[in-house]
Amino acid sequence: MTAFSHRPDPVVRLVDDDQSVLKALGTYLDVAGFRVAAYDSAARFLNEDDFSVPGCLVLDVRMPRMTGIELQHEMKVRGIDLPIIFLSAHGDIAMAVDAVKAGAKTFLVKPPKLDELAETIAEAIEENVERRAKVRDWLELRADFEKLTPAEKAVAGMIVKGLTNAVIAEALGMAERTVKAHRASVYEKLDVENAVELADFLHELDDYRKELESK
């Protein structure tokens, strides 16, 4: 249960120093249809997990050597985007609340209600899969946009404002035929047919950026 293949199916990572907790939760989640990887320390999780596989992390707050809170911070440093569901004893609730404020999805009190845990995990996995899809889409759009030269980017910005080639040429201090050439190149590189489709491309690129930055 600690290792998993390179199938693309999402994985629920369990990190807890209590082997009985790992076994009980792992068995329940496995029967519930989740793919599970269990780790008895934060270090093992960081060293052994394949973070390219989507999913989520069910994490104990208090652990020796590296606590769940410290692991959350380390994941941020490393750019690991797995949603975190903290499990906390009653005495750790204030700490868990702070962890949620720092970006964790939520926290559940130990021992968690299994149906609530399964529902929360399903939501976290869906969020992670959707976010990663949006990141891929945004990276593809940005990669296409970065094919443009600085001059082509400047022309593109004016095209979407509805300016004519003549006005763009005067504003940028270039010949009108140069603007026409840049316009054609922009359309070809971004695989758009006209100014409306170009505007849609740039709006989509900016919308993705804003949405990802807000989370």
Foldseek 3Di string as FASTA:
>chain_A
DQDDDPDQAAEEEEEALDVVVCVVLVVLVVVVPHHYHYYNHLVCCVVPDDLVRFFAYEAEQDDPPAGPLNSLVVCVVVVRDHAYEYEYAPVCVVVQVVSVVVPHPYYAYPPHDSVVVVVVRVVRRVVRVVLVVLVVVLVVLVVLVVVADPVLVQLLVVVLVVDDLVVSCVVVVHDSVVSVVSVVVNCVSNVHDGSVVSVVSVVSNVVSVVVSVVD
